[in-house]
């Protein structure tokens, strides 16, 4: 099937929001800006989110990978991924102000962009 051009445009806007929020300083996505090595790589963020939902230590409220991605952006302390590139992921490293830094539409497209990475 031919991808919906509106969805493709929103995904591209999400990629721009990812760059605007300086996510590249800590996270890596192949061919997207700098390649951070602090937080987990997000090349397959949909699959990563789905795996975290199945993790028995997960105590958040998300039911879908998209909800998990939103929750991880807005409240990163809810659930830490076990391993980051430099060792165990540590609490307090990811900023908690993205809800104030990004407009609601930017947050929506950022989640859509990350969910598109499979």
N, C-alpha and C. Protein backbone atom coordinates (compact mmCIF):
# COMPACT_ATOMS: atom_id res chain seq x y z
N UNK A 1 0.83 -1.21 0.00
CA UNK A 1 0.00 0.00 0.00
C UNK A 1 0.86 1.27 0.00
N UNK A 2 0.36 2.29 -0.63
CA UNK A 2 1.04 3.58 -0.68
C UNK A 2 0.88 4.29 0.65
N UNK A 3 1.98 4.74 1.26
CA UNK A 3 1.88 5.46 2.54
C UNK A 3 1.07 6.75 2.39
N UNK A 4 0.31 7.06 3.40
CA UNK A 4 -0.50 8.26 3.44
C UNK A 4 0.44 9.48 3.52
N UNK A 5 0.35 10.42 2.58
CA UNK A 5 1.25 11.58 2.60
C UNK A 5 1.09 12.44 3.85
N UNK A 6 -0.10 12.49 4.42
CA UNK A 6 -0.31 13.26 5.65
C UNK A 6 0.46 12.62 6.80
N UNK A 7 0.38 11.31 6.89
CA UNK A 7 1.11 10.60 7.95
C UNK A 7 2.61 10.76 7.75
N UNK A 8 3.07 10.65 6.52
CA UNK A 8 4.50 10.83 6.24
C UNK A 8 4.97 12.23 6.63
N UNK A 9 4.16 13.24 6.37
CA UNK A 9 4.51 14.61 6.75
C UNK A 9 4.58 14.74 8.28
N UNK A 10 3.62 14.12 8.98
CA UNK A 10 3.63 14.18 10.45
C UNK A 10 4.83 13.44 11.03
N UNK A 11 5.20 12.33 10.42
CA UNK A 11 6.39 11.60 10.87
C UNK A 11 7.63 12.48 10.69
N UNK A 12 7.73 13.16 9.56
CA UNK A 12 8.86 14.07 9.33
C UNK A 12 8.85 15.22 10.36
N UNK A 13 7.68 15.72 10.70
CA UNK A 13 7.58 16.76 11.73
C UNK A 13 8.05 16.21 13.08
N UNK A 14 7.75 14.94 13.34
CA UNK A 14 8.21 14.30 14.58
C UNK A 14 9.72 14.16 14.61
N UNK A 15 10.31 13.87 13.46
CA UNK A 15 11.77 13.80 13.37
C UNK A 15 12.37 15.16 13.67
N UNK A 16 11.74 16.21 13.18
CA UNK A 16 12.20 17.58 13.46
C UNK A 16 12.06 17.90 14.95
N UNK A 17 10.97 17.45 15.57
CA UNK A 17 10.79 17.67 17.01
C UNK A 17 11.87 16.92 17.80
N UNK A 18 12.23 15.73 17.35
CA UNK A 18 13.29 14.94 17.97
C UNK A 18 14.60 15.72 17.95
N UNK A 19 14.89 16.33 16.82
CA UNK A 19 16.11 17.12 16.69
C UNK A 19 16.02 18.42 17.49
N UNK A 20 14.86 19.08 17.45
CA UNK A 20 14.67 20.34 18.18
C UNK A 20 14.86 20.14 19.68
N UNK A 21 14.36 19.01 20.19
CA UNK A 21 14.44 18.75 21.62
C UNK A 21 15.83 18.24 22.03
N UNK A 22 16.75 18.17 21.05
CA UNK A 22 18.14 17.74 21.29
C UNK A 22 18.22 16.30 21.81
N UNK A 23 17.30 15.46 21.39
CA UNK A 23 17.33 14.06 21.79
C UNK A 23 18.60 13.38 21.30
N UNK A 24 19.16 13.91 20.20
CA UNK A 24 20.37 13.35 19.61
C UNK A 24 21.58 13.48 20.54
N UNK A 25 21.49 14.34 21.54
CA UNK A 25 22.61 14.49 22.47
C UNK A 25 22.83 13.22 23.28
N UNK A 26 21.76 12.45 23.50
CA UNK A 26 21.87 11.24 24.32
C UNK A 26 21.47 9.96 23.59
N UNK A 27 20.58 10.07 22.63
CA UNK A 27 20.06 8.89 21.93
C UNK A 27 20.59 8.84 20.50
N UNK A 28 20.64 7.63 19.96
CA UNK A 28 21.08 7.44 18.59
C UNK A 28 19.94 6.87 17.74
N UNK A 29 19.77 7.44 16.57
CA UNK A 29 18.93 6.89 15.51
C UNK A 29 19.77 7.04 14.26
N UNK A 30 19.97 5.95 13.58
CA UNK A 30 20.84 5.98 12.40
C UNK A 30 20.42 7.09 11.45
N UNK A 31 21.40 7.86 11.00
CA UNK A 31 21.22 8.94 10.02
C UNK A 31 20.40 10.13 10.53
N UNK A 32 20.33 10.30 11.85
CA UNK A 32 19.60 11.45 12.40
C UNK A 32 20.53 12.22 13.32
N UNK A 33 21.13 13.25 12.80
CA UNK A 33 21.95 14.14 13.60
C UNK A 33 23.10 13.44 14.29
N UNK A 34 23.50 13.99 15.41
CA UNK A 34 24.56 13.41 16.22
C UNK A 34 24.09 12.05 16.74
N UNK A 35 25.01 11.25 17.15
CA UNK A 35 24.66 9.93 17.67
C UNK A 35 25.06 9.85 19.13
N UNK A 36 24.12 10.18 20.01
CA UNK A 36 24.38 10.15 21.44
C UNK A 36 24.60 8.73 21.93
N UNK A 37 25.34 8.62 23.01
CA UNK A 37 25.67 7.31 23.57
C UNK A 37 25.36 7.22 25.05
N UNK A 38 24.40 8.00 25.51
CA UNK A 38 24.04 7.98 26.93
C UNK A 38 22.79 7.13 27.13
N UNK A 39 21.75 7.45 26.38
CA UNK A 39 20.49 6.72 26.48
C UNK A 39 20.42 5.60 25.46
N UNK A 40 19.38 4.79 25.56
CA UNK A 40 19.25 3.68 24.61
C UNK A 40 19.10 4.17 23.17
N UNK A 41 19.60 3.38 22.24
CA UNK A 41 19.40 3.67 20.82
C UNK A 41 17.91 3.52 20.51
N UNK A 42 17.42 4.37 19.63
CA UNK A 42 15.98 4.40 19.34
C UNK A 42 15.66 3.98 17.91
N UNK A 43 16.59 3.32 17.24
CA UNK A 43 16.35 2.88 15.86
C UNK A 43 15.12 2.00 15.74
N UNK A 44 14.84 1.22 16.75
CA UNK A 44 13.68 0.34 16.76
C UNK A 44 12.84 0.65 17.99
N UNK A 45 12.50 1.92 18.16
CA UNK A 45 11.85 2.34 19.40
C UNK A 45 10.48 1.72 19.61
N UNK A 46 9.75 1.41 18.53
CA UNK A 46 8.45 0.76 18.70
C UNK A 46 8.64 -0.60 19.36
N UNK A 47 9.58 -1.39 18.83
CA UNK A 47 9.84 -2.72 19.38
C UNK A 47 10.41 -2.62 20.79
N UNK A 48 11.25 -1.63 21.03
CA UNK A 48 11.80 -1.41 22.36
C UNK A 48 10.68 -1.11 23.36
N UNK A 49 9.74 -0.23 22.95
CA UNK A 49 8.62 0.11 23.83
C UNK A 49 7.74 -1.11 24.09
N UNK A 50 7.48 -1.89 23.06
CA UNK A 50 6.66 -3.10 23.23
C UNK A 50 7.33 -4.07 24.21
N UNK A 51 8.64 -4.20 24.11
CA UNK A 51 9.37 -5.08 25.03
C UNK A 51 9.30 -4.56 26.46
N UNK A 52 9.37 -3.25 26.64
CA UNK A 52 9.31 -2.68 28.00
C UNK A 52 7.94 -2.91 28.62
N UNK A 53 6.89 -2.88 27.81
CA UNK A 53 5.55 -3.14 28.33
C UNK A 53 5.44 -4.58 28.86
N UNK A 54 6.19 -5.49 28.29
CA UNK A 54 6.17 -6.89 28.72
C UNK A 54 7.10 -7.13 29.92
N UNK A 55 7.97 -6.17 30.23
CA UNK A 55 8.91 -6.31 31.34
C UNK A 55 8.14 -6.36 32.65
N UNK A 56 8.40 -7.37 33.46
CA UNK A 56 7.66 -7.55 34.72
C UNK A 56 7.91 -6.43 35.72
N UNK A 57 9.00 -5.65 35.53
CA UNK A 57 9.27 -4.54 36.45
C UNK A 57 8.53 -3.27 36.04
N UNK A 58 7.89 -3.27 34.86
CA UNK A 58 7.18 -2.07 34.40
C UNK A 58 5.96 -1.83 35.27
N UNK A 59 5.84 -0.62 35.82
CA UNK A 59 4.73 -0.26 36.71
C UNK A 59 3.97 0.97 36.21
N UNK A 60 4.22 1.38 34.98
CA UNK A 60 3.54 2.55 34.44
C UNK A 60 2.11 2.25 34.03
N UNK A 61 1.49 3.20 33.36
CA UNK A 61 0.09 3.09 32.98
C UNK A 61 -0.13 2.80 31.50
N UNK A 62 0.91 2.83 30.71
CA UNK A 62 0.77 2.65 29.26
C UNK A 62 0.29 1.24 28.94
N UNK A 63 -0.52 1.16 27.90
CA UNK A 63 -1.03 -0.13 27.42
C UNK A 63 -0.54 -0.45 26.01
N UNK A 64 -0.06 0.56 25.28
CA UNK A 64 0.41 0.38 23.91
C UNK A 64 1.82 0.93 23.80
N UNK A 65 2.57 0.51 22.79
CA UNK A 65 3.91 1.09 22.61
C UNK A 65 3.87 2.61 22.46
N UNK A 66 2.87 3.14 21.76
CA UNK A 66 2.76 4.60 21.60
C UNK A 66 2.57 5.28 22.94
N UNK A 67 1.71 4.71 23.79
CA UNK A 67 1.50 5.28 25.12
C UNK A 67 2.78 5.18 25.95
N UNK A 68 3.50 4.08 25.81
CA UNK A 68 4.76 3.93 26.53
C UNK A 68 5.76 5.00 26.10
N UNK A 69 5.88 5.22 24.80
CA UNK A 69 6.81 6.23 24.31
C UNK A 69 6.48 7.61 24.87
N UNK A 70 5.19 7.96 24.87
CA UNK A 70 4.76 9.25 25.43
C UNK A 70 5.12 9.32 26.91
N UNK A 71 4.82 8.26 27.64
CA UNK A 71 5.11 8.22 29.07
C UNK A 71 6.62 8.35 29.32
N UNK A 72 7.42 7.66 28.51
CA UNK A 72 8.87 7.70 28.68
C UNK A 72 9.44 9.10 28.42
N UNK A 73 8.80 9.84 27.53
CA UNK A 73 9.24 11.21 27.23
C UNK A 73 8.84 12.15 28.36
N UNK A 74 7.60 12.04 28.82
CA UNK A 74 7.07 12.98 29.80
C UNK A 74 7.48 12.66 31.23
N UNK A 75 7.62 11.38 31.54
CA UNK A 75 7.95 10.98 32.91
C UNK A 75 8.94 9.82 32.86
N UNK A 76 10.18 10.10 32.49
CA UNK A 76 11.16 9.03 32.26
C UNK A 76 11.47 8.17 33.49
N UNK A 77 11.15 8.64 34.68
CA UNK A 77 11.45 7.88 35.88
C UNK A 77 10.45 6.75 36.12
N UNK A 78 9.34 6.73 35.38
CA UNK A 78 8.35 5.67 35.59
C UNK A 78 8.97 4.30 35.37
N UNK A 79 9.80 4.17 34.35
CA UNK A 79 10.42 2.87 34.07
C UNK A 79 11.74 3.11 33.34
N UNK A 80 12.80 2.60 33.90
CA UNK A 80 14.11 2.72 33.26
C UNK A 80 14.41 1.44 32.49
N UNK A 81 14.86 1.60 31.27
CA UNK A 81 15.35 0.47 30.50
C UNK A 81 16.62 -0.01 31.20
N UNK A 82 16.81 -1.30 31.27
CA UNK A 82 17.91 -1.87 32.05
C UNK A 82 19.29 -1.45 31.54
N UNK A 83 19.50 -1.51 30.23
CA UNK A 83 20.84 -1.27 29.70
C UNK A 83 20.89 -0.09 28.74
N UNK A 84 21.85 0.77 28.98
CA UNK A 84 22.18 1.88 28.09
C UNK A 84 23.56 1.59 27.51
N UNK A 85 23.99 2.34 26.52
CA UNK A 85 25.28 2.05 25.89
C UNK A 85 26.48 2.03 26.84
N UNK A 86 26.42 2.78 27.91
CA UNK A 86 27.55 2.84 28.83
C UNK A 86 27.36 1.98 30.08
N UNK A 87 26.31 1.20 30.13
CA UNK A 87 26.03 0.36 31.30
C UNK A 87 24.57 0.50 31.70
N UNK A 88 24.25 0.25 32.96
CA UNK A 88 22.86 0.37 33.38
C UNK A 88 22.34 1.80 33.19
N UNK A 89 21.10 1.92 32.73
CA UNK A 89 20.49 3.25 32.61
C UNK A 89 20.27 3.79 34.02
N UNK A 90 20.58 5.05 34.21
CA UNK A 90 20.51 5.66 35.53
C UNK A 90 19.34 6.62 35.65
N UNK A 91 18.72 6.67 36.82
CA UNK A 91 17.62 7.62 37.02
C UNK A 91 18.15 9.06 37.02
N UNK A 92 17.31 9.99 36.62
CA UNK A 92 17.64 11.40 36.68
C UNK A 92 18.49 11.92 35.54
N UNK A 93 18.81 11.08 34.57
CA UNK A 93 19.64 11.51 33.45
C UNK A 93 18.80 12.19 32.37
N UNK A 94 17.65 11.58 32.04
CA UNK A 94 16.81 12.16 31.00
C UNK A 94 16.03 13.34 31.57
N UNK A 95 16.01 14.46 30.85
CA UNK A 95 15.26 15.64 31.31
C UNK A 95 13.78 15.31 31.48
N UNK A 96 13.14 16.01 32.40
CA UNK A 96 11.72 15.78 32.69
C UNK A 96 10.83 16.93 32.23
N UNK A 97 11.39 17.86 31.46
CA UNK A 97 10.63 19.06 31.09
C UNK A 97 10.12 19.06 29.65
N UNK A 98 10.09 17.92 28.99
CA UNK A 98 9.65 17.91 27.60
C UNK A 98 8.17 18.28 27.45
N UNK A 99 7.37 18.06 28.47
CA UNK A 99 5.98 18.48 28.42
C UNK A 99 5.85 19.99 28.32
N UNK A 100 6.79 20.72 28.89
CA UNK A 100 6.80 22.18 28.81
C UNK A 100 7.59 22.67 27.60
N UNK A 101 8.59 21.92 27.21
CA UNK A 101 9.47 22.33 26.12
C UNK A 101 8.82 22.13 24.74
N UNK A 102 8.03 21.09 24.59
CA UNK A 102 7.39 20.79 23.31
C UNK A 102 5.92 21.16 23.33
N UNK A 103 5.46 21.73 22.23
CA UNK A 103 4.03 21.98 22.10
C UNK A 103 3.32 20.63 21.98
N UNK A 104 2.04 20.54 22.36
CA UNK A 104 1.31 19.26 22.27
C UNK A 104 1.40 18.62 20.88
N UNK A 105 1.31 19.41 19.83
CA UNK A 105 1.41 18.87 18.47
C UNK A 105 2.81 18.30 18.21
N UNK A 106 3.84 18.95 18.73
CA UNK A 106 5.20 18.43 18.56
C UNK A 106 5.37 17.11 19.30
N UNK A 107 4.82 17.03 20.50
CA UNK A 107 4.88 15.80 21.27
C UNK A 107 4.15 14.67 20.52
N UNK A 108 2.98 14.98 19.98
CA UNK A 108 2.22 13.98 19.22
C UNK A 108 3.02 13.47 18.03
N UNK A 109 3.63 14.38 17.28
CA UNK A 109 4.38 13.94 16.10
C UNK A 109 5.67 13.24 16.50
N UNK A 110 6.28 13.63 17.62
CA UNK A 110 7.47 12.94 18.10
C UNK A 110 7.13 11.49 18.44
N UNK A 111 6.04 11.27 19.13
CA UNK A 111 5.61 9.91 19.44
C UNK A 111 5.33 9.13 18.16
N UNK A 112 4.66 9.77 17.20
CA UNK A 112 4.37 9.12 15.93
C UNK A 112 5.68 8.74 15.22
N UNK A 113 6.64 9.64 15.21
CA UNK A 113 7.94 9.36 14.58
C UNK A 113 8.63 8.18 15.25
N UNK A 114 8.71 8.21 16.58
CA UNK A 114 9.38 7.13 17.28
C UNK A 114 8.66 5.80 17.08
N UNK A 115 7.32 5.84 17.05
CA UNK A 115 6.54 4.62 16.84
C UNK A 115 6.72 4.08 15.42
N UNK A 116 7.13 4.94 14.51
CA UNK A 116 7.33 4.49 13.12
C UNK A 116 8.66 3.75 12.96
N UNK A 117 9.51 3.83 13.95
CA UNK A 117 10.83 3.19 13.86
C UNK A 117 10.73 1.75 14.36
N UNK A 118 10.69 0.84 13.39
CA UNK A 118 10.53 -0.60 13.74
C UNK A 118 11.60 -1.40 13.07
